Each structure stands twice: as structure tokens, then as C-alpha cells.
All heavy atoms as atom14 arrays in JSON, in Angstrom:
{
  "sequence": "AKAPKPIGENGLVECRGEQRLRRESLVEKHAVIIYIYGF",
  "atom14_mask": [
    [1, 1, 1, 1, 1, 0, 0, 0, 0, 0, 0, 0, 0, 0],
    [1, 1, 1, 1, 1, 1, 1, 1, 1, 0, 0, 0, 0, 0],
    [1, 1, 1, 1, 1, 0, 0, 0, 0, 0, 0, 0, 0, 0],
    [1, 1, 1, 1, 1, 1, 1, 0, 0, 0, 0, 0, 0, 0],
    [1, 1, 1, 1, 1, 1, 1, 1, 1, 0, 0, 0, 0, 0],
    [1, 1, 1, 1, 1, 1, 1, 0, 0, 0, 0, 0, 0, 0],
    [1, 1, 1, 1, 1, 1, 1, 1, 0, 0, 0, 0, 0, 0],
    [1, 1, 1, 1, 0, 0, 0, 0, 0, 0, 0, 0, 0, 0],
    [1, 1, 1, 1, 1, 1, 1, 1, 1, 0, 0, 0, 0, 0],
    [1, 1, 1, 1, 1, 1, 1, 1, 0, 0, 0, 0, 0, 0],
    [1, 1, 1, 1, 0, 0, 0, 0, 0, 0, 0, 0, 0, 0],
    [1, 1, 1, 1, 1, 1, 1, 1, 0, 0, 0, 0, 0, 0],
    [1, 1, 1, 1, 1, 1, 1, 0, 0, 0, 0, 0, 0, 0],
    [1, 1, 1, 1, 1, 1, 1, 1, 1, 0, 0, 0, 0, 0],
    [1, 1, 1, 1, 1, 1, 0, 0, 0, 0, 0, 0, 0, 0],
    [1, 1, 1, 1, 1, 1, 1, 1, 1, 1, 1, 0, 0, 0],
    [1, 1, 1, 1, 0, 0, 0, 0, 0, 0, 0, 0, 0, 0],
    [1, 1, 1, 1, 1, 1, 1, 1, 1, 0, 0, 0, 0, 0],
    [1, 1, 1, 1, 1, 1, 1, 1, 1, 0, 0, 0, 0, 0],
    [1, 1, 1, 1, 1, 1, 1, 1, 1, 1, 1, 0, 0, 0],
    [1, 1, 1, 1, 1, 1, 1, 1, 0, 0, 0, 0, 0, 0],
    [1, 1, 1, 1, 1, 1, 1, 1, 1, 1, 1, 0, 0, 0],
    [1, 1, 1, 1, 1, 1, 1, 1, 1, 1, 1, 0, 0, 0],
    [1, 1, 1, 1, 1, 1, 1, 1, 1, 0, 0, 0, 0, 0],
    [1, 1, 1, 1, 1, 1, 0, 0, 0, 0, 0, 0, 0, 0],
    [1, 1, 1, 1, 1, 1, 1, 1, 0, 0, 0, 0, 0, 0],
    [1, 1, 1, 1, 1, 1, 1, 0, 0, 0, 0, 0, 0, 0],
    [1, 1, 1, 1, 1, 1, 1, 1, 1, 0, 0, 0, 0, 0],
    [1, 1, 1, 1, 1, 1, 1, 1, 1, 0, 0, 0, 0, 0],
    [1, 1, 1, 1, 1, 1, 1, 1, 1, 1, 0, 0, 0, 0],
    [1, 1, 1, 1, 1, 0, 0, 0, 0, 0, 0, 0, 0, 0],
    [1, 1, 1, 1, 1, 1, 1, 0, 0, 0, 0, 0, 0, 0],
    [1, 1, 1, 1, 1, 1, 1, 1, 0, 0, 0, 0, 0, 0],
    [1, 1, 1, 1, 1, 1, 1, 1, 0, 0, 0, 0, 0, 0],
    [1, 1, 1, 1, 1, 1, 1, 1, 1, 1, 1, 1, 0, 0],
    [1, 1, 1, 1, 1, 1, 1, 1, 0, 0, 0, 0, 0, 0],
    [1, 1, 1, 1, 1, 1, 1, 1, 1, 1, 1, 1, 0, 0],
    [1, 1, 1, 1, 0, 0, 0, 0, 0, 0, 0, 0, 0, 0],
    [1, 1, 1, 1, 1, 1, 1, 1, 1, 1, 1, 0, 0, 0]
  ],
  "atom14_positions": [
    [[-5.41, -2.69, -1.42], [-5.06, -2.28, -2.78], [-4.21, -3.36, -3.43], [-3.71, -4.28, -2.76], [-4.33, -0.93, -2.76], [0.0, 0.0, 0.0], [0.0, 0.0, 0.0], [0.0, 0.0, 0.0], [0.0, 0.0, 0.0], [0.0, 0.0, 0.0], [0.0, 0.0, 0.0], [0.0, 0.0, 0.0], [0.0, 0.0, 0.0], [0.0, 0.0, 0.0]],
    [[-4.01, -3.25, -4.7], [-3.15, -4.19, -5.4], [-1.73, -4.05, -4.86], [-1.32, -2.98, -4.4], [-3.16, -3.93, -6.9], [-4.49, -4.28, -7.55], [-4.43, -4.07, -9.05], [-5.75, -4.43, -9.71], [-5.73, -4.22, -11.18], [0.0, 0.0, 0.0], [0.0, 0.0, 0.0], [0.0, 0.0, 0.0], [0.0, 0.0, 0.0], [0.0, 0.0, 0.0]],
    [[-1.0, -5.15, -4.91], [0.38, -5.12, -4.43], [1.18, -4.04, -5.17], [1.1, -3.91, -6.39], [1.03, -6.49, -4.66], [0.0, 0.0, 0.0], [0.0, 0.0, 0.0], [0.0, 0.0, 0.0], [0.0, 0.0, 0.0], [0.0, 0.0, 0.0], [0.0, 0.0, 0.0], [0.0, 0.0, 0.0], [0.0, 0.0, 0.0], [0.0, 0.0, 0.0]],
    [[1.96, -3.23, -4.45], [2.72, -2.15, -5.07], [3.9, -2.68, -5.86], [4.24, -3.84, -5.78], [3.2, -1.33, -3.87], [3.32, -2.34, -2.77], [2.2, -3.32, -3.01], [0.0, 0.0, 0.0], [0.0, 0.0, 0.0], [0.0, 0.0, 0.0], [0.0, 0.0, 0.0], [0.0, 0.0, 0.0], [0.0, 0.0, 0.0], [0.0, 0.0, 0.0]],
    [[4.48, -1.81, -6.66], [5.67, -2.16, -7.38], [6.79, -2.45, -6.38], [6.83, -1.88, -5.31], [6.09, -1.03, -8.32], [5.08, -0.8, -9.46], [5.58, 0.3, -10.36], [4.59, 0.49, -11.51], [5.03, 1.58, -12.43], [0.0, 0.0, 0.0], [0.0, 0.0, 0.0], [0.0, 0.0, 0.0], [0.0, 0.0, 0.0], [0.0, 0.0, 0.0]],
    [[7.72, -3.34, -6.74], [8.81, -3.68, -5.81], [9.57, -2.46, -5.36], [9.88, -1.56, -6.14], [9.69, -4.61, -6.63], [8.76, -5.2, -7.64], [7.79, -4.08, -7.99], [0.0, 0.0, 0.0], [0.0, 0.0, 0.0], [0.0, 0.0, 0.0], [0.0, 0.0, 0.0], [0.0, 0.0, 0.0], [0.0, 0.0, 0.0], [0.0, 0.0, 0.0]],
    [[9.89, -2.41, -4.05], [10.64, -1.31, -3.47], [11.87, -1.9, -2.81], [11.77, -2.73, -1.91], [9.81, -0.54, -2.42], [8.53, -0.01, -3.08], [10.62, 0.58, -1.8], [7.59, 0.62, -2.08], [0.0, 0.0, 0.0], [0.0, 0.0, 0.0], [0.0, 0.0, 0.0], [0.0, 0.0, 0.0], [0.0, 0.0, 0.0], [0.0, 0.0, 0.0]],
    [[13.02, -1.49, -3.25], [14.25, -1.97, -2.63], [14.56, -3.39, -3.09], [14.04, -3.91, -4.09], [0.0, 0.0, 0.0], [0.0, 0.0, 0.0], [0.0, 0.0, 0.0], [0.0, 0.0, 0.0], [0.0, 0.0, 0.0], [0.0, 0.0, 0.0], [0.0, 0.0, 0.0], [0.0, 0.0, 0.0], [0.0, 0.0, 0.0], [0.0, 0.0, 0.0]],
    [[15.39, -4.05, -2.36], [15.87, -5.39, -2.73], [14.75, -6.42, -2.56], [14.1, -6.51, -1.54], [17.05, -5.78, -1.82], [17.68, -7.1, -2.22], [18.87, -7.42, -1.35], [19.22, -6.58, -0.5], [19.44, -8.5, -1.54], [0.0, 0.0, 0.0], [0.0, 0.0, 0.0], [0.0, 0.0, 0.0], [0.0, 0.0, 0.0], [0.0, 0.0, 0.0]],
    [[14.51, -7.18, -3.61], [13.48, -8.25, -3.62], [12.08, -7.7, -3.35], [11.2, -8.45, -2.92], [13.81, -9.32, -2.57], [15.12, -10.02, -2.9], [15.44, -10.2, -4.08], [15.86, -10.38, -1.89], [0.0, 0.0, 0.0], [0.0, 0.0, 0.0], [0.0, 0.0, 0.0], [0.0, 0.0, 0.0], [0.0, 0.0, 0.0], [0.0, 0.0, 0.0]],
    [[11.87, -6.4, -3.59], [10.57, -5.84, -3.39], [10.15, -5.78, -1.95], [8.96, -5.73, -1.65], [0.0, 0.0, 0.0], [0.0, 0.0, 0.0], [0.0, 0.0, 0.0], [0.0, 0.0, 0.0], [0.0, 0.0, 0.0], [0.0, 0.0, 0.0], [0.0, 0.0, 0.0], [0.0, 0.0, 0.0], [0.0, 0.0, 0.0], [0.0, 0.0, 0.0]],
    [[11.1, -5.78, -1.03], [10.8, -5.75, 0.4], [11.2, -4.41, 1.0], [12.09, -3.74, 0.49], [11.52, -6.89, 1.13], [11.09, -8.31, 0.69], [11.96, -9.32, 1.4], [9.64, -8.56, 1.01], [0.0, 0.0, 0.0], [0.0, 0.0, 0.0], [0.0, 0.0, 0.0], [0.0, 0.0, 0.0], [0.0, 0.0, 0.0], [0.0, 0.0, 0.0]],
    [[10.53, -4.04, 2.09], [10.8, -2.78, 2.75], [11.37, -3.06, 4.14], [10.81, -3.86, 4.88], [9.5, -1.94, 2.87], [9.81, -0.63, 3.57], [8.92, -1.7, 1.49], [0.0, 0.0, 0.0], [0.0, 0.0, 0.0], [0.0, 0.0, 0.0], [0.0, 0.0, 0.0], [0.0, 0.0, 0.0], [0.0, 0.0, 0.0], [0.0, 0.0, 0.0]],
    [[12.46, -2.42, 4.48], [13.04, -2.56, 5.8], [12.17, -1.82, 6.83], [11.79, -0.68, 6.61], [14.46, -2.0, 5.84], [15.47, -2.86, 5.1], [15.77, -4.16, 5.85], [15.5, -4.19, 7.07], [16.24, -5.11, 5.22], [0.0, 0.0, 0.0], [0.0, 0.0, 0.0], [0.0, 0.0, 0.0], [0.0, 0.0, 0.0], [0.0, 0.0, 0.0]],
    [[11.83, -2.45, 7.91], [11.01, -1.81, 8.94], [11.44, -2.35, 10.31], [11.15, -3.5, 10.66], [9.52, -2.1, 8.7], [8.46, -1.35, 9.92], [0.0, 0.0, 0.0], [0.0, 0.0, 0.0], [0.0, 0.0, 0.0], [0.0, 0.0, 0.0], [0.0, 0.0, 0.0], [0.0, 0.0, 0.0], [0.0, 0.0, 0.0], [0.0, 0.0, 0.0]],
    [[12.18, -1.52, 11.08], [12.64, -1.89, 12.41], [13.41, -3.22, 12.38], [13.21, -4.13, 13.19], [11.46, -2.01, 13.38], [10.79, -0.67, 13.6], [9.69, -0.8, 14.65], [9.03, 0.49, 14.9], [8.02, 0.67, 15.72], [7.56, -0.37, 16.42], [7.48, 1.84, 15.88], [0.0, 0.0, 0.0], [0.0, 0.0, 0.0], [0.0, 0.0, 0.0]],
    [[14.31, -3.35, 11.41], [15.14, -4.53, 11.33], [14.47, -5.74, 10.71], [15.09, -6.77, 10.52], [0.0, 0.0, 0.0], [0.0, 0.0, 0.0], [0.0, 0.0, 0.0], [0.0, 0.0, 0.0], [0.0, 0.0, 0.0], [0.0, 0.0, 0.0], [0.0, 0.0, 0.0], [0.0, 0.0, 0.0], [0.0, 0.0, 0.0], [0.0, 0.0, 0.0]],
    [[13.19, -5.64, 10.37], [12.51, -6.74, 9.76], [12.06, -6.34, 8.38], [11.95, -5.15, 8.05], [11.28, -7.16, 10.6], [11.65, -7.64, 12.0], [10.41, -8.03, 12.76], [9.31, -7.87, 12.21], [10.54, -8.51, 13.9], [0.0, 0.0, 0.0], [0.0, 0.0, 0.0], [0.0, 0.0, 0.0], [0.0, 0.0, 0.0], [0.0, 0.0, 0.0]],
    [[11.82, -7.32, 7.53], [11.39, -7.06, 6.16], [9.91, -7.45, 6.05], [9.51, -8.52, 6.49], [12.21, -7.86, 5.17], [13.65, -7.34, 5.03], [14.38, -8.08, 3.96], [14.15, -9.26, 3.74], [15.26, -7.4, 3.27], [0.0, 0.0, 0.0], [0.0, 0.0, 0.0], [0.0, 0.0, 0.0], [0.0, 0.0, 0.0], [0.0, 0.0, 0.0]],
    [[9.13, -6.59, 5.44], [7.74, -6.9, 5.26], [7.25, -6.23, 3.98], [7.83, -5.22, 3.54], [6.88, -6.4, 6.43], [6.87, -4.92, 6.6], [5.95, -4.5, 7.74], [5.96, -3.07, 7.94], [5.23, -2.19, 7.24], [4.45, -2.64, 6.27], [5.3, -0.9, 7.48], [0.0, 0.0, 0.0], [0.0, 0.0, 0.0], [0.0, 0.0, 0.0]],
    [[6.22, -6.74, 3.4], [5.63, -6.13, 2.23], [4.75, -4.97, 2.66], [4.0, -5.07, 3.6], [4.78, -7.15, 1.45], [5.56, -8.19, 0.65], [4.59, -9.25, 0.13], [6.32, -7.56, -0.49], [0.0, 0.0, 0.0], [0.0, 0.0, 0.0], [0.0, 0.0, 0.0], [0.0, 0.0, 0.0], [0.0, 0.0, 0.0], [0.0, 0.0, 0.0]],
    [[4.84, -3.87, 1.95], [4.0, -2.73, 2.26], [2.68, -2.89, 1.53], [2.62, -3.01, 0.32], [4.7, -1.44, 1.8], [3.89, -0.18, 2.09], [4.49, 1.05, 1.43], [5.82, 1.3, 1.93], [6.65, 2.2, 1.39], [6.27, 2.88, 0.32], [7.84, 2.4, 1.89], [0.0, 0.0, 0.0], [0.0, 0.0, 0.0], [0.0, 0.0, 0.0]],
    [[1.59, -2.87, 2.3], [0.26, -3.0, 1.72], [-0.59, -1.82, 2.19], [-0.6, -1.46, 3.35], [-0.4, -4.31, 2.16], [0.3, -5.57, 1.71], [0.39, -5.63, 0.19], [-0.91, -5.63, -0.44], [-1.62, -6.74, -0.66], [-1.16, -7.91, -0.28], [-2.8, -6.69, -1.27], [0.0, 0.0, 0.0], [0.0, 0.0, 0.0], [0.0, 0.0, 0.0]],
    [[-1.35, -1.27, 1.25], [-2.26, -0.18, 1.57], [-3.69, -0.65, 1.31], [-3.92, -1.56, 0.52], [-1.98, 1.04, 0.66], [-0.72, 1.78, 0.97], [-0.55, 2.96, 0.05], [-0.56, 2.77, -1.18], [-0.43, 4.1, 0.54], [0.0, 0.0, 0.0], [0.0, 0.0, 0.0], [0.0, 0.0, 0.0], [0.0, 0.0, 0.0], [0.0, 0.0, 0.0]],
    [[-4.62, -0.02, 1.99], [-6.02, -0.31, 1.65], [-6.4, 0.47, 0.41], [-5.72, 1.44, 0.02], [-6.93, 0.09, 2.82], [-6.99, 1.5, 2.92], [0.0, 0.0, 0.0], [0.0, 0.0, 0.0], [0.0, 0.0, 0.0], [0.0, 0.0, 0.0], [0.0, 0.0, 0.0], [0.0, 0.0, 0.0], [0.0, 0.0, 0.0], [0.0, 0.0, 0.0]],
    [[-7.43, 0.01, -0.23], [-7.87, 0.66, -1.49], [-8.26, 2.1, -1.24], [-8.0, 2.97, -2.07], [-9.06, -0.14, -2.05], [-9.48, 0.21, -3.48], [-8.35, -0.1, -4.47], [-10.75, -0.54, -3.85], [0.0, 0.0, 0.0], [0.0, 0.0, 0.0], [0.0, 0.0, 0.0], [0.0, 0.0, 0.0], [0.0, 0.0, 0.0], [0.0, 0.0, 0.0]],
    [[-8.87, 2.38, -0.08], [-9.29, 3.72, 0.24], [-8.09, 4.63, 0.46], [-8.1, 5.81, 0.08], [-10.21, 3.72, 1.49], [-10.46, 5.12, 2.0], [-11.52, 3.02, 1.17], [0.0, 0.0, 0.0], [0.0, 0.0, 0.0], [0.0, 0.0, 0.0], [0.0, 0.0, 0.0], [0.0, 0.0, 0.0], [0.0, 0.0, 0.0], [0.0, 0.0, 0.0]],
    [[-7.04, 4.11, 1.1], [-5.85, 4.9, 1.32], [-5.15, 5.27, 0.03], [-4.63, 6.37, -0.13], [-4.86, 4.14, 2.21], [-5.31, 4.02, 3.66], [-4.36, 3.18, 4.48], [-3.68, 2.31, 3.91], [-4.32, 3.39, 5.71], [0.0, 0.0, 0.0], [0.0, 0.0, 0.0], [0.0, 0.0, 0.0], [0.0, 0.0, 0.0], [0.0, 0.0, 0.0]],
    [[-5.18, 4.35, -0.92], [-4.5, 4.61, -2.19], [-5.3, 5.48, -3.11], [-4.77, 6.3, -3.86], [-4.2, 3.27, -2.88], [-3.25, 3.38, -4.06], [-2.82, 2.02, -4.53], [-1.79, 2.14, -5.66], [-1.34, 0.81, -6.14], [0.0, 0.0, 0.0], [0.0, 0.0, 0.0], [0.0, 0.0, 0.0], [0.0, 0.0, 0.0], [0.0, 0.0, 0.0]],
    [[-6.62, 5.34, -3.05], [-7.51, 6.12, -3.95], [-8.6, 6.76, -3.08], [-9.7, 6.22, -2.92], [-8.12, 5.23, -5.01], [-7.13, 4.46, -5.84], [-6.34, 5.04, -6.78], [-6.8, 3.14, -5.8], [-5.55, 4.14, -7.35], [-5.82, 2.97, -6.77], [0.0, 0.0, 0.0], [0.0, 0.0, 0.0], [0.0, 0.0, 0.0], [0.0, 0.0, 0.0]],
    [[-8.3, 7.92, -2.53], [-9.22, 8.6, -1.61], [-10.53, 8.97, -2.28], [-11.57, 9.1, -1.58], [-8.56, 9.84, -1.0], [0.0, 0.0, 0.0], [0.0, 0.0, 0.0], [0.0, 0.0, 0.0], [0.0, 0.0, 0.0], [0.0, 0.0, 0.0], [0.0, 0.0, 0.0], [0.0, 0.0, 0.0], [0.0, 0.0, 0.0], [0.0, 0.0, 0.0]],
    [[-10.53, 9.14, -3.61], [-11.76, 9.53, -4.28], [-12.87, 8.48, -4.1], [-14.06, 8.8, -4.17], [-11.48, 9.79, -5.79], [-11.14, 8.48, -6.51], [-12.65, 10.45, -6.46], [0.0, 0.0, 0.0], [0.0, 0.0, 0.0], [0.0, 0.0, 0.0], [0.0, 0.0, 0.0], [0.0, 0.0, 0.0], [0.0, 0.0, 0.0], [0.0, 0.0, 0.0]],
    [[-12.48, 7.23, -3.85], [-13.46, 6.16, -3.67], [-14.39, 6.47, -2.51], [-15.58, 6.18, -2.58], [-12.74, 4.81, -3.47], [-12.0, 4.41, -4.75], [-13.72, 3.72, -3.07], [-11.17, 3.16, -4.61], [0.0, 0.0, 0.0], [0.0, 0.0, 0.0], [0.0, 0.0, 0.0], [0.0, 0.0, 0.0], [0.0, 0.0, 0.0], [0.0, 0.0, 0.0]],
    [[-13.84, 7.04, -1.46], [-14.66, 7.29, -0.27], [-15.7, 8.38, -0.55], [-16.81, 8.35, 0.0], [-13.78, 7.66, 0.94], [-14.51, 7.27, 2.24], [-13.44, 9.13, 0.98], [-14.67, 5.8, 2.43], [0.0, 0.0, 0.0], [0.0, 0.0, 0.0], [0.0, 0.0, 0.0], [0.0, 0.0, 0.0], [0.0, 0.0, 0.0], [0.0, 0.0, 0.0]],
    [[-15.38, 9.32, -1.43], [-16.35, 10.36, -1.79], [-17.46, 9.76, -2.67], [-18.64, 10.13, -2.49], [-15.66, 11.5, -2.53], [-14.59, 12.18, -1.7], [-13.25, 11.96, -1.94], [-14.94, 13.04, -0.66], [-12.26, 12.58, -1.17], [-13.96, 13.66, 0.11], [-12.63, 13.43, -0.15], [-11.67, 14.02, 0.62], [0.0, 0.0, 0.0], [0.0, 0.0, 0.0]],
    [[-17.08, 8.89, -3.58], [-18.09, 8.21, -4.39], [-19.0, 7.36, -3.51], [-20.23, 7.38, -3.65], [-17.41, 7.34, -5.47], [-16.62, 8.21, -6.42], [-18.45, 6.53, -6.23], [-15.76, 7.43, -7.41], [0.0, 0.0, 0.0], [0.0, 0.0, 0.0], [0.0, 0.0, 0.0], [0.0, 0.0, 0.0], [0.0, 0.0, 0.0], [0.0, 0.0, 0.0]],
    [[-18.39, 6.65, -2.57], [-19.17, 5.84, -1.66], [-20.1, 6.74, -0.81], [-21.25, 6.37, -0.55], [-18.27, 5.01, -0.73], [-19.03, 4.33, 0.37], [-19.76, 3.16, 0.13], [-19.09, 4.87, 1.67], [-20.5, 2.55, 1.13], [-19.82, 4.25, 2.67], [-20.54, 3.11, 2.4], [-21.28, 2.51, 3.38], [0.0, 0.0, 0.0], [0.0, 0.0, 0.0]],
    [[-19.57, 7.86, -0.34], [-20.38, 8.77, 0.46], [-21.66, 9.19, -0.23], [-22.75, 9.2, 0.37], [0.0, 0.0, 0.0], [0.0, 0.0, 0.0], [0.0, 0.0, 0.0], [0.0, 0.0, 0.0], [0.0, 0.0, 0.0], [0.0, 0.0, 0.0], [0.0, 0.0, 0.0], [0.0, 0.0, 0.0], [0.0, 0.0, 0.0], [0.0, 0.0, 0.0]],
    [[-21.55, 9.52, -1.52], [-22.75, 9.93, -2.26], [-23.67, 8.73, -2.48], [-24.89, 8.82, -2.26], [-22.34, 10.51, -3.62], [-23.48, 11.05, -4.41], [-23.95, 12.34, -4.19], [-24.11, 10.27, -5.38], [-25.04, 12.84, -4.93], [-25.18, 10.76, -6.12], [-25.64, 12.04, -5.89], [0.0, 0.0, 0.0], [0.0, 0.0, 0.0], [0.0, 0.0, 0.0]]
  ]
}
């Protein structure tokens, strides 16, 4: 999916002491796409 809006400081997310950008797949963000694809 497109990069999300910044979260927290500098748009980074704390994860187990490390900083990383949170990225989702297009299907995870817009579940309706999988139904359209199914048809």
C-alpha cells in the first residue's frame, strides 16, 4: 500500500527497541480488493 501518514517522531514506529516504517499490503489495507479479484 502507499506509505502511511507519519506516526510518532519522524514518522517512525518503535518496535522491540528498533525503528522501522510500518508498511501494509494493498489487500490488508483495502480488503474489498480481494472480493473484486475473486469475482
